[in-house]
């Protein structure tokens, strides 16, 4: 059950359940928290509900009951294209039970498709486009005073049977004017998944924060540039170092937070500023670790900063490599090189900083040569067996992206604006590889994924036991090492499958390949691995059971 009761506000802001991106939803939703903080600063109130709190997304029944119990006049839902089905089902159910309830949508999707959202979904009353703080406040003030909505920038709404879009609201350039997110209206950070610091061998309470907004680059697959380009003003804006560090110190002192994940669209636009943030917090006597997201070329350009970053507590970097094929990087307008990707990994690993790799194995124009180059890059850089498996990642064509526009213009993508557009591959051999890879993973992938996750958890637990034993665990250390080897082998299975597909296709022709001839050796290897894992676990349990 959700741990916070309705607080008596007239407005409820919801981050809807997201079943597709659980891996990065395990933290407080800062979007709605920023909105509530901004409203509170200006004398307005909002309650917040995180539909992704807990081990599983909240059931719609529970969210609907919460909203009805609060007797709200307005419900605002912040959404991406991926959460449209849930957001729409929630909106329909609320409207059916309380027809006079005002429902507002905001976020990326309503910004890219405001007219279509209002035209296709009658349960929505208003959409907020672009950054929402000032627009939502002015909307509420206008409705309270009777001022026409046409005077509020950044809206979409209905006027009779017509849909009206007001001019875009300029981006707020001084982010220090925005108050800290209203985290007190959400479940405490300690109730969300934490971070296991394998360097210091201790768990840490984790919090996400945003030190800047926007990104100055122009990747064709990314919707960030389009989102900010929809509003006048400079796209990338950074908070002052003092403002960011004040928030971090508050989280550390009041919430016990000691690991910070920067969710900036691109944290490393100004490397010197990024380092100043970490060093300023360290100077205040706060014990912490941190992580951030950036691009390969920026890691290379900021190489000299990484020894200091590591000393300041940097544990990992989300590195947007995207491909080991220069052709694919160029088509995606990544404006980076394979060599920069390679150097970026070397810089991180050379400074004992882990890399969380973003990769796009399949995109509309992928060729067999691209796949082979990707696999060579993955294998030569020690990413063979990287989990979750980046070889299964396929470019999603979201509204507002140049890649989507190009696919539609080429006649290979068709569908609704309210979905990640399905598409046909231009290269039929690459298409066949993707089909066979998906078909094979559909047969054993769920059991494989569950086992690998289970092994991850057990290895973390066993390594913590080894750390607590202070070297007195020699009896089961070899078995933990054996379990690690089995984990590596299991995690590598999809990579081996792709390698096998490419080799067989080159020999017999890709169109002649059939899933039945490929699944047998993969299932055989999986069954053998499961048997070996069960054996190691049994021996470990026998040694460590009281």
Protein backbone atom coordinates (compact mmCIF):
# COMPACT_ATOMS: atom_id res chain seq x y z
CA UNK A 1 0.00 0.00 0.00
CA UNK A 2 1.21 3.51 -0.83
CA UNK A 3 2.75 4.95 2.34
CA UNK A 4 1.48 8.54 2.06
CA UNK A 5 -2.17 9.51 2.51
CA UNK A 6 -3.82 12.30 0.49
CA UNK A 7 -2.69 15.61 1.96
CA UNK A 8 -5.74 17.77 1.35
CA UNK A 9 -4.55 19.64 -1.75
CA UNK A 10 -6.92 20.24 -4.66
CA UNK A 11 -4.29 19.05 -7.18
CA UNK A 12 -2.79 15.56 -7.41
CA UNK A 13 0.29 15.01 -9.60
CA UNK A 14 0.98 11.43 -10.65
CA UNK A 15 4.01 9.68 -12.10
CA UNK A 16 2.21 6.73 -13.72
CA UNK A 17 3.38 3.11 -13.48
CA UNK A 18 6.06 2.30 -16.05
CA UNK A 19 6.34 -1.41 -16.80
CA UNK A 20 9.01 -0.99 -19.50
CA UNK A 21 11.70 0.96 -17.64
CA UNK A 22 11.77 -0.46 -14.14
CA UNK A 23 15.57 -0.32 -14.06
CA UNK A 24 15.64 3.49 -13.94
CA UNK A 25 12.33 4.08 -12.18
CA UNK A 26 13.65 2.95 -8.81
CA UNK A 27 14.09 6.50 -7.55
CA UNK A 28 11.91 9.46 -6.61
CA UNK A 29 10.19 11.01 -9.66
CA UNK A 30 11.80 14.43 -9.79
CA UNK A 31 9.53 15.80 -12.53
CA UNK A 32 6.39 15.99 -10.40
CA UNK A 33 8.47 16.85 -7.31
CA UNK A 34 9.87 19.91 -9.09
CA UNK A 35 6.35 20.97 -10.08
CA UNK A 36 5.11 20.68 -6.50
CA UNK A 37 8.11 22.56 -5.13
CA UNK A 38 7.58 25.41 -7.59
CA UNK A 39 3.87 25.61 -6.80
CA UNK A 40 4.58 25.64 -3.07
CA UNK A 41 7.07 28.48 -3.47
CA UNK A 42 4.28 30.54 -5.03
CA UNK A 43 1.57 29.69 -2.51
CA UNK A 44 -0.11 26.77 -4.29
CA UNK A 45 -0.34 23.16 -3.14
CA UNK A 46 -0.16 19.73 -4.72
CA UNK A 47 -0.10 16.14 -3.50
CA UNK A 48 2.17 13.64 -5.23
CA UNK A 49 1.82 9.95 -6.07
CA UNK A 50 4.64 7.80 -7.44
CA UNK A 51 3.09 4.93 -9.37
CA UNK A 52 6.47 3.17 -9.48
CA UNK A 53 7.13 3.09 -5.75
CA UNK A 54 7.82 -0.32 -4.26
CA UNK A 55 8.93 -3.62 -5.70
CA UNK A 56 6.24 -3.53 -8.40
CA UNK A 57 4.31 -0.74 -10.14
CA UNK A 58 1.23 0.28 -8.17
CA UNK A 59 -2.00 -1.32 -9.46
CA UNK A 60 -4.34 1.06 -11.27
CA UNK A 61 -7.10 0.16 -8.82
CA UNK A 62 -4.99 1.51 -5.96
CA UNK A 63 -4.12 4.72 -7.82
CA UNK A 64 -7.75 5.36 -8.78
CA UNK A 65 -8.91 4.74 -5.21
CA UNK A 66 -6.24 7.13 -3.92
CA UNK A 67 -7.28 9.89 -6.32
CA UNK A 68 -10.97 9.49 -5.52
CA UNK A 69 -10.35 9.40 -1.77
CA UNK A 70 -8.47 12.68 -1.99
CA UNK A 71 -11.46 14.44 -3.60
CA UNK A 72 -9.15 16.33 -5.93
CA UNK A 73 -10.40 18.89 -8.41
CA UNK A 74 -7.49 18.34 -10.82
CA UNK A 75 -5.22 15.39 -11.57
CA UNK A 76 -2.00 15.97 -13.52
CA UNK A 77 -0.13 13.06 -15.11
CA UNK A 78 3.50 13.34 -16.24
CA UNK A 79 4.19 10.85 -19.01
CA UNK A 80 6.41 9.54 -21.76
CA UNK A 81 5.22 7.80 -24.91
CA UNK A 82 5.91 4.46 -23.21
CA UNK A 83 3.46 5.22 -20.39
CA UNK A 84 0.56 6.35 -22.59
CA UNK A 85 -1.44 3.09 -22.23
CA UNK A 86 -1.29 3.30 -18.44
CA UNK A 87 -1.89 7.06 -18.35
CA UNK A 88 -4.87 6.77 -20.65
CA UNK A 89 -6.43 3.87 -18.73
CA UNK A 90 -5.99 5.83 -15.51
CA UNK A 91 -7.50 8.98 -17.05
CA UNK A 92 -10.49 7.09 -18.45
CA UNK A 93 -11.28 5.42 -15.14
CA UNK A 94 -11.01 8.66 -13.19
CA UNK A 95 -13.18 10.54 -15.68
CA UNK A 96 -15.79 7.77 -15.68
CA UNK A 97 -16.17 7.94 -11.91
CA UNK A 98 -15.81 11.71 -11.57
CA UNK A 99 -16.78 13.42 -14.86
CA UNK A 100 -16.11 16.94 -13.56
CA UNK A 101 -12.53 16.08 -12.59
CA UNK A 102 -10.02 18.09 -14.64
CA UNK A 103 -7.25 15.95 -16.13
CA UNK A 104 -3.98 17.49 -17.33
CA UNK A 105 -1.21 15.69 -19.19
CA UNK A 106 2.37 16.97 -19.25
CA UNK A 107 5.83 15.72 -20.16
CA UNK A 108 7.60 14.64 -23.32
CA UNK A 109 4.73 13.06 -25.22
CA UNK A 110 2.16 15.87 -24.81
CA UNK A 111 4.90 18.29 -25.85
CA UNK A 112 5.55 16.40 -29.10
CA UNK A 113 1.92 15.57 -29.85
CA UNK A 114 -0.33 18.13 -28.10
CA UNK A 115 -2.95 18.32 -30.83
CA UNK A 116 -3.09 14.55 -31.33
CA UNK A 117 -3.32 13.92 -27.57
CA UNK A 118 -6.33 16.20 -27.18
CA UNK A 119 -7.92 15.02 -30.42
CA UNK A 120 -7.51 11.29 -29.78
CA UNK A 121 -8.06 11.14 -26.02
CA UNK A 122 -11.31 12.90 -25.00
CA UNK A 123 -10.65 12.16 -21.32
CA UNK A 124 -7.84 14.77 -21.32
CA UNK A 125 -8.83 18.39 -20.70
CA UNK A 126 -5.51 20.24 -20.99
CA UNK A 127 -1.92 19.48 -21.98
CA UNK A 128 1.13 21.33 -20.66
CA UNK A 129 3.94 21.61 -23.21
CA UNK A 130 7.63 21.92 -22.42
CA UNK A 131 9.01 22.57 -18.95
CA UNK A 132 5.98 22.67 -16.74
CA UNK A 133 6.72 24.64 -13.57
CA UNK A 134 5.73 28.15 -14.65
CA UNK A 135 3.01 26.96 -17.05
CA UNK A 136 1.20 24.85 -14.45
CA UNK A 137 1.32 27.64 -11.88
CA UNK A 138 -0.01 30.22 -14.33
CA UNK A 139 -2.72 27.81 -15.48
CA UNK A 140 -3.99 27.33 -11.92
CA UNK A 141 -3.84 31.06 -11.26
CA UNK A 142 -5.73 31.81 -14.48
CA UNK A 143 -8.48 29.34 -13.65
CA UNK A 144 -8.80 30.77 -10.15
CA UNK A 145 -9.07 34.35 -11.40
CA UNK A 146 -11.15 33.66 -14.51
CA UNK A 147 -8.39 34.76 -16.87
CA UNK A 148 -8.60 33.24 -20.40
CA UNK A 149 -6.43 30.19 -21.02
CA UNK A 150 -5.40 31.76 -24.33
CA UNK A 151 -3.19 34.12 -22.30
CA UNK A 152 -1.23 31.26 -20.69
CA UNK A 153 1.82 30.23 -22.73
CA UNK A 154 2.66 26.55 -23.16
CA UNK A 155 -0.86 25.08 -23.14
CA UNK A 156 -3.08 22.96 -25.35
CA UNK A 157 -6.81 22.89 -24.62
CA UNK A 158 -10.26 22.64 -26.18
CA UNK A 159 -12.50 25.55 -26.97
CA UNK A 160 -15.78 23.99 -27.98
CA UNK A 161 -14.89 21.50 -30.70
CA UNK A 162 -11.67 23.29 -31.60
CA UNK A 163 -8.23 22.54 -30.19
CA UNK A 164 -6.15 25.56 -29.26
CA UNK A 165 -2.39 25.71 -28.75
CA UNK A 166 -0.94 28.81 -27.09
CA UNK A 167 2.59 30.06 -27.92
CA UNK A 168 5.48 28.07 -26.46
CA UNK A 169 6.79 29.28 -23.12
CA UNK A 170 10.46 30.33 -23.11
CA UNK A 171 12.81 28.11 -21.14
CA UNK A 172 13.68 29.40 -17.68
CA UNK A 173 17.33 30.37 -17.95
CA UNK A 174 18.21 30.71 -14.25
CA UNK A 175 17.61 27.26 -12.77
CA UNK A 176 18.59 28.51 -9.31
CA UNK A 177 15.20 30.26 -9.24
CA UNK A 178 13.49 26.85 -9.17
CA UNK A 179 13.23 25.49 -5.61
CA UNK A 180 14.46 22.03 -4.72
CA UNK A 181 12.07 19.17 -5.55
CA UNK A 182 9.34 18.63 -2.94
CA UNK A 183 10.73 15.25 -1.89
CA UNK A 184 8.86 15.48 1.42
CA UNK A 185 5.63 14.82 -0.50
CA UNK A 186 6.99 11.47 -1.75
CA UNK A 187 8.01 8.29 0.07
CA UNK A 188 11.44 8.83 1.69
CA UNK A 189 14.55 8.14 -0.38
CA UNK A 190 15.44 5.34 2.04
CA UNK A 191 12.35 3.40 0.90
CA UNK A 192 13.69 3.19 -2.68
CA UNK A 193 16.42 0.77 -3.86
CA UNK A 194 19.84 1.76 -2.59
CA UNK A 195 23.33 1.47 -4.04
CA UNK A 196 25.75 -1.28 -3.03
CA UNK A 197 29.19 0.31 -2.99
CA UNK A 198 31.47 -2.57 -3.94
CA UNK A 199 34.55 -0.38 -3.41
CA UNK A 200 33.86 0.43 0.24
CA UNK A 201 31.78 -2.75 0.66
CA UNK A 202 28.76 -1.05 2.16
CA UNK A 203 25.20 -0.22 1.14
CA UNK A 204 24.34 3.41 0.56
CA UNK A 205 21.04 5.28 0.48
CA UNK A 206 20.66 6.60 -3.05
CA UNK A 207 19.04 9.77 -4.38
CA UNK A 208 18.76 11.16 -7.88
CA UNK A 209 19.14 14.83 -8.66
CA UNK A 210 19.40 17.14 -11.65
CA UNK A 211 22.14 19.76 -11.83
CA UNK A 212 21.37 20.93 -15.36
CA UNK A 213 18.76 20.67 -18.10
CA UNK A 214 19.16 20.11 -21.82
CA UNK A 215 21.90 18.84 -24.10
CA UNK A 216 23.80 20.79 -26.79
CA UNK A 217 24.20 17.80 -29.15
CA UNK A 218 21.94 16.61 -31.97
CA UNK A 219 21.64 12.81 -31.97
CA UNK A 220 18.89 11.82 -34.40
CA UNK A 221 17.51 9.09 -32.14
CA UNK A 222 17.16 11.26 -29.03
CA UNK A 223 14.07 13.25 -28.11
CA UNK A 224 15.87 15.55 -25.65
CA UNK A 225 16.99 18.05 -28.27
CA UNK A 226 13.50 18.20 -29.79
CA UNK A 227 11.86 18.66 -26.39
CA UNK A 228 13.94 21.72 -25.55
CA UNK A 229 13.97 23.05 -29.11
CA UNK A 230 10.16 23.31 -28.87
CA UNK A 231 10.62 26.26 -26.48
CA UNK A 232 12.56 29.50 -27.08
CA UNK A 233 15.82 29.95 -25.22
CA UNK A 234 19.19 28.32 -24.64
CA UNK A 235 18.78 24.55 -24.32
CA UNK A 236 21.56 23.59 -21.89
CA UNK A 237 21.38 25.41 -18.58
CA UNK A 238 23.29 24.56 -15.42
CA UNK A 239 22.50 25.32 -11.81
CA UNK A 240 25.21 27.06 -9.83
CA UNK A 241 27.66 24.84 -7.96
CA UNK A 242 26.51 26.23 -4.61
CA UNK A 243 22.86 25.57 -5.40
CA UNK A 244 23.52 21.94 -6.37
CA UNK A 245 25.74 21.28 -3.37
CA UNK A 246 23.18 22.80 -1.00
CA UNK A 247 20.62 20.26 -2.21
CA UNK A 248 23.08 17.39 -1.93
CA UNK A 249 24.08 18.37 1.60
CA UNK A 250 20.43 18.65 2.60
CA UNK A 251 19.79 15.14 1.28
CA UNK A 252 22.84 13.82 3.11
CA UNK A 253 22.10 15.50 6.46
CA UNK A 254 18.34 15.01 6.51
CA UNK A 255 17.82 11.85 4.48
CA UNK A 256 21.01 9.92 5.12
CA UNK A 257 21.84 9.90 1.41
CA UNK A 258 25.42 8.96 0.54
CA UNK A 259 25.14 8.06 -3.15
CA UNK A 260 23.98 10.58 -5.75
CA UNK A 261 22.91 9.72 -9.28
CA UNK A 262 22.88 12.75 -11.54
CA UNK A 263 19.98 12.39 -13.96
CA UNK A 264 21.04 15.34 -16.09
CA UNK A 265 20.45 14.91 -19.80
CA UNK A 266 24.21 15.43 -20.05
CA UNK A 267 26.09 16.08 -16.80
CA UNK A 268 29.52 16.53 -18.39
CA UNK A 269 28.90 19.52 -20.66
CA UNK A 270 31.20 21.57 -18.42
CA UNK A 271 33.73 19.15 -16.85
CA UNK A 272 35.28 21.78 -14.56
CA UNK A 273 31.87 22.63 -13.11
CA UNK A 274 31.10 18.94 -12.63
CA UNK A 275 34.31 18.44 -10.63
CA UNK A 276 33.67 21.58 -8.59
CA UNK A 277 30.32 20.13 -7.49
CA UNK A 278 31.95 16.96 -6.17
CA UNK A 279 34.84 18.76 -4.51
CA UNK A 280 32.58 21.37 -2.90
CA UNK A 281 30.42 18.71 -1.27
CA UNK A 282 33.51 16.82 -0.09
CA UNK A 283 34.77 20.06 1.47
CA UNK A 284 31.60 20.20 3.57
CA UNK A 285 32.55 16.94 5.23
CA UNK A 286 29.96 14.73 3.55
CA UNK A 287 30.82 11.07 2.84
CA UNK A 288 29.37 10.22 -0.57
CA UNK A 289 29.77 8.50 -3.91
CA UNK A 290 28.20 9.55 -7.20
CA UNK A 291 27.49 8.67 -10.83
CA UNK A 292 26.45 10.52 -13.96
CA UNK A 293 25.56 10.20 -17.67
CA UNK A 294 27.55 11.55 -20.59
CA UNK A 295 28.94 10.89 -24.08
CA UNK A 296 32.13 9.13 -25.16
CA UNK A 297 33.68 12.21 -26.79
CA UNK A 298 33.13 14.24 -23.64
CA UNK A 299 34.87 11.58 -21.56
CA UNK A 300 37.82 11.80 -23.95
CA UNK A 301 37.91 15.61 -23.87
CA UNK A 302 37.64 15.61 -20.08
CA UNK A 303 40.18 12.83 -19.53
CA UNK A 304 42.37 14.91 -17.22
CA UNK A 305 39.53 15.29 -14.72
CA UNK A 306 38.90 11.61 -14.07
CA UNK A 307 41.64 10.92 -11.51
CA UNK A 308 40.16 13.73 -9.41
CA UNK A 309 36.63 12.45 -10.06
CA UNK A 310 37.61 9.01 -8.84
CA UNK A 311 39.22 10.46 -5.74
CA UNK A 312 36.06 12.51 -5.12
CA UNK A 313 33.89 9.37 -5.12
CA UNK A 314 32.89 8.67 -8.73
CA UNK A 315 31.79 5.04 -8.99
CA UNK A 316 30.32 4.68 -12.48
CA UNK A 317 29.42 6.61 -15.61
CA UNK A 318 26.52 5.97 -17.96
CA UNK A 319 28.43 6.09 -21.24
CA UNK A 320 26.41 6.70 -24.39
CA UNK A 321 28.51 4.73 -26.87
CA UNK A 322 25.58 3.56 -29.04
CA UNK A 323 27.62 1.55 -31.57
CA UNK A 324 30.90 -0.07 -32.53
CA UNK A 325 30.16 0.67 -36.20
CA UNK A 326 31.15 4.04 -37.61
CA UNK A 327 28.45 3.75 -40.25
CA UNK A 328 25.78 3.42 -37.61
CA UNK A 329 27.23 6.26 -35.51
CA UNK A 330 27.14 8.51 -38.57
CA UNK A 331 23.56 7.57 -39.47
CA UNK A 332 22.49 8.33 -35.90
CA UNK A 333 24.30 11.68 -36.11
CA UNK A 334 26.17 10.81 -32.95
CA UNK A 335 29.13 13.00 -34.00
CA UNK A 336 31.54 10.60 -32.32
CA UNK A 337 33.90 7.88 -33.54
CA UNK A 338 34.46 4.24 -32.68
CA UNK A 339 37.95 5.24 -31.57
CA UNK A 340 36.46 7.72 -29.10
CA UNK A 341 34.19 5.00 -27.76
CA UNK A 342 37.21 2.79 -27.23
CA UNK A 343 39.22 5.54 -25.57
CA UNK A 344 36.31 6.49 -23.31
CA UNK A 345 36.09 2.97 -21.92
CA UNK A 346 39.84 2.91 -21.40
CA UNK A 347 39.73 6.21 -19.51
CA UNK A 348 36.96 5.03 -17.21
CA UNK A 349 38.47 1.62 -16.51
CA UNK A 350 41.96 3.10 -16.19
CA UNK A 351 40.64 5.26 -13.35
CA UNK A 352 38.77 2.37 -11.71
CA UNK A 353 35.38 3.80 -12.72
CA UNK A 354 32.73 1.38 -13.94
CA UNK A 355 30.97 1.95 -17.27
CA UNK A 356 27.24 1.47 -17.75
CA UNK A 357 27.02 1.20 -21.52
CA UNK A 358 24.20 2.53 -23.69
CA UNK A 359 24.21 0.72 -27.04
CA UNK A 360 21.97 0.43 -30.10
CA UNK A 361 22.58 -2.91 -31.81
CA UNK A 362 19.70 -2.67 -34.29
CA UNK A 363 18.38 0.44 -36.09
CA UNK A 364 16.41 0.75 -39.35
CA UNK A 365 19.50 0.79 -41.58
CA UNK A 366 21.61 -1.79 -39.74
CA UNK A 367 23.64 -4.08 -42.01
CA UNK A 368 25.35 -7.41 -41.38
CA UNK A 369 28.66 -5.55 -41.44
CA UNK A 370 27.38 -3.23 -38.68
CA UNK A 371 26.39 -6.23 -36.55
CA UNK A 372 29.78 -7.87 -37.04
CA UNK A 373 31.60 -4.66 -36.18
CA UNK A 374 29.42 -4.19 -33.10
CA UNK A 375 30.10 -7.72 -31.92
CA UNK A 376 33.84 -7.29 -32.53
CA UNK A 377 33.80 -4.07 -30.50
CA UNK A 378 31.85 -5.68 -27.67
CA UNK A 379 34.12 -8.71 -27.52
CA UNK A 380 37.40 -6.81 -27.84
CA UNK A 381 36.42 -4.42 -25.04
CA UNK A 382 35.41 -7.03 -22.50
CA UNK A 383 31.69 -6.38 -22.89
CA UNK A 384 30.90 -9.90 -24.03
CA UNK A 385 28.37 -10.97 -21.42
CA UNK A 386 27.48 -7.41 -20.38
CA UNK A 387 24.17 -7.52 -18.53
CA UNK A 388 21.48 -6.44 -19.30
CA UNK A 389 22.36 -7.71 -22.78
CA UNK A 390 23.11 -4.73 -25.02
CA UNK A 391 23.10 -6.96 -28.09
CA UNK A 392 19.31 -7.16 -27.80
CA UNK A 393 18.82 -3.38 -27.80
CA UNK A 394 16.83 -2.02 -30.71
CA UNK A 395 16.35 1.65 -31.54
CA UNK A 396 12.92 2.91 -30.48
CA UNK A 397 11.45 5.51 -32.84
CA UNK A 398 9.78 7.96 -30.47
CA UNK A 399 7.77 11.01 -31.55
CA UNK A 400 9.85 14.12 -32.08
CA UNK A 401 13.05 12.35 -33.15
CA UNK A 402 14.82 12.80 -36.47
CA UNK A 403 15.30 9.02 -36.76
CA UNK A 404 11.53 8.57 -36.69
CA UNK A 405 11.01 11.24 -39.34
CA UNK A 406 13.61 9.59 -41.58
CA UNK A 407 12.02 6.14 -41.19
CA UNK A 408 8.58 7.53 -42.02
CA UNK A 409 9.95 9.36 -45.06
CA UNK A 410 11.61 6.14 -46.24
CA UNK A 411 8.29 4.32 -46.00
CA UNK A 412 9.55 1.69 -43.55
CA UNK A 413 7.71 2.87 -40.43
CA UNK A 414 3.97 3.12 -39.97
CA UNK A 415 1.78 3.55 -36.93
CA UNK A 416 0.29 5.89 -34.38
CA UNK A 417 1.99 8.99 -33.02
CA UNK A 418 1.14 7.58 -29.59
CA UNK A 419 3.60 4.69 -29.78
CA UNK A 420 7.22 3.89 -30.42
CA UNK A 421 6.89 3.33 -34.15
CA UNK A 422 7.41 -0.24 -35.41
CA UNK A 423 9.55 -0.42 -38.53
CA UNK A 424 11.00 -2.70 -41.19
CA UNK A 425 14.75 -3.06 -41.58
CA UNK A 426 16.13 -1.84 -44.88
CA UNK A 427 18.62 -4.73 -44.98
CA UNK A 428 16.79 -8.06 -45.24
CA UNK A 429 19.69 -10.13 -43.91
CA UNK A 430 19.90 -7.97 -40.78
CA UNK A 431 16.12 -8.28 -40.47
CA UNK A 432 16.41 -12.07 -40.58
CA UNK A 433 19.08 -12.05 -37.86
CA UNK A 434 16.84 -9.90 -35.65
CA UNK A 435 13.85 -12.21 -36.17
CA UNK A 436 15.85 -15.34 -35.35
CA UNK A 437 17.49 -13.71 -32.34
CA UNK A 438 14.09 -12.66 -30.98
CA UNK A 439 12.51 -16.04 -31.67
CA UNK A 440 15.31 -17.90 -29.93
CA UNK A 441 15.33 -15.59 -26.90
CA UNK A 442 11.54 -15.96 -26.67
CA UNK A 443 12.02 -19.69 -26.09
CA UNK A 444 14.46 -19.53 -23.18
CA UNK A 445 14.99 -15.81 -22.50
CA UNK A 446 12.62 -15.42 -19.55
CA UNK A 447 14.14 -18.35 -17.63
CA UNK A 448 17.64 -17.17 -18.57
CA UNK A 449 16.99 -13.58 -17.43
CA UNK A 450 15.50 -14.72 -14.12
CA UNK A 451 18.47 -16.99 -13.42
CA UNK A 452 21.04 -14.30 -14.23
CA UNK A 453 19.28 -11.76 -11.99
CA UNK A 454 19.09 -14.36 -9.23
CA UNK A 455 22.80 -15.06 -9.57
CA UNK A 456 23.59 -11.34 -9.45
CA UNK A 457 21.76 -11.05 -6.14
CA UNK A 458 23.45 -14.14 -4.71
CA UNK A 459 26.92 -13.00 -5.76
CA UNK A 460 26.35 -9.61 -4.12
CA UNK A 461 25.25 -11.37 -0.95
CA UNK A 462 28.20 -13.78 -1.00
CA UNK A 463 30.70 -11.00 -1.61
CA UNK A 464 29.26 -9.08 1.34
CA UNK A 465 29.70 -12.23 3.45
CA UNK A 466 33.31 -12.49 2.32
CA UNK A 467 33.93 -8.85 3.24
CA UNK A 468 32.45 -9.36 6.71
CA UNK A 469 34.52 -12.51 7.19
CA UNK A 470 37.76 -10.47 7.00
CA UNK A 471 39.65 -13.19 5.17
CA UNK A 472 38.32 -16.03 7.29
CA UNK A 473 36.20 -17.48 4.49
CA UNK A 474 38.83 -19.44 2.58
CA UNK A 475 36.63 -22.52 2.64
CA UNK A 476 33.96 -21.05 0.38
CA UNK A 477 35.96 -18.42 -1.54
CA UNK A 478 36.77 -20.90 -4.37
CA UNK A 479 33.07 -21.69 -4.74
CA UNK A 480 32.19 -18.00 -4.98
CA UNK A 481 34.78 -17.66 -7.72
CA UNK A 482 33.30 -20.68 -9.46
CA UNK A 483 29.84 -19.12 -9.22
CA UNK A 484 31.21 -15.92 -10.78
CA UNK A 485 32.53 -17.92 -13.72
CA UNK A 486 29.15 -19.58 -14.20
CA UNK A 487 27.47 -16.16 -14.05
CA UNK A 488 29.81 -14.85 -16.75
CA UNK A 489 29.08 -17.83 -18.96
CA UNK A 490 25.33 -17.51 -18.54
CA UNK A 491 25.36 -13.77 -19.20
CA UNK A 492 27.28 -14.43 -22.43
CA UNK A 493 24.66 -16.76 -23.95
CA UNK A 494 22.82 -14.11 -26.05
CA UNK A 495 26.17 -12.83 -27.34
CA UNK A 496 27.20 -16.35 -28.31
CA UNK A 497 23.84 -16.76 -30.03
CA UNK A 498 24.36 -13.64 -32.15
CA UNK A 499 27.89 -14.72 -32.97
CA UNK A 500 26.57 -18.13 -34.03
CA UNK A 501 23.87 -16.49 -36.16
CA UNK A 502 26.34 -14.28 -37.99
CA UNK A 503 28.76 -17.14 -38.62
CA UNK A 504 26.02 -19.48 -39.87
CA UNK A 505 24.54 -16.78 -42.06
CA UNK A 506 27.87 -16.07 -43.72
CA UNK A 507 28.28 -19.78 -44.44
CA UNK A 508 24.79 -20.83 -45.53
CA UNK A 509 23.07 -17.56 -46.39
CA UNK A 510 20.99 -15.58 -43.89
CA UNK A 511 17.65 -16.24 -45.53
CA UNK A 512 18.27 -20.00 -45.25
CA UNK A 513 18.69 -19.91 -41.47
CA UNK A 514 15.99 -21.46 -39.29
CA UNK A 515 15.42 -21.08 -35.58
CA UNK A 516 15.17 -24.83 -34.99
CA UNK A 517 18.77 -25.42 -36.02
CA UNK A 518 20.01 -22.56 -33.82
CA UNK A 519 18.04 -23.13 -30.65
CA UNK A 520 19.32 -26.65 -29.95
CA UNK A 521 22.94 -25.77 -29.06
CA UNK A 522 21.84 -22.69 -27.12
CA UNK A 523 19.30 -24.61 -25.05
CA UNK A 524 21.85 -27.36 -24.48
CA UNK A 525 24.38 -24.83 -23.16
CA UNK A 526 21.71 -23.20 -20.99
CA UNK A 527 20.66 -26.52 -19.46
CA UNK A 528 24.27 -27.47 -18.74
CA UNK A 529 24.88 -24.09 -17.11
CA UNK A 530 21.77 -24.43 -14.93
CA UNK A 531 22.96 -27.84 -13.75
CA UNK A 532 26.43 -26.52 -12.90
CA UNK A 533 24.98 -23.50 -11.06
CA UNK A 534 22.70 -25.73 -8.99
CA UNK A 535 25.70 -27.87 -8.04
CA UNK A 536 27.82 -24.89 -6.95
CA UNK A 537 24.94 -23.43 -4.96
CA UNK A 538 24.34 -26.72 -3.18
CA UNK A 539 27.99 -26.96 -2.18
CA UNK A 540 28.01 -23.32 -1.05
CA UNK A 541 24.92 -23.83 1.08
CA UNK A 542 26.43 -26.92 2.67
CA UNK A 543 29.53 -24.95 3.65
CA UNK A 544 27.82 -21.81 4.91
CA UNK A 545 24.64 -23.13 6.52
CA UNK A 546 24.71 -22.90 10.34
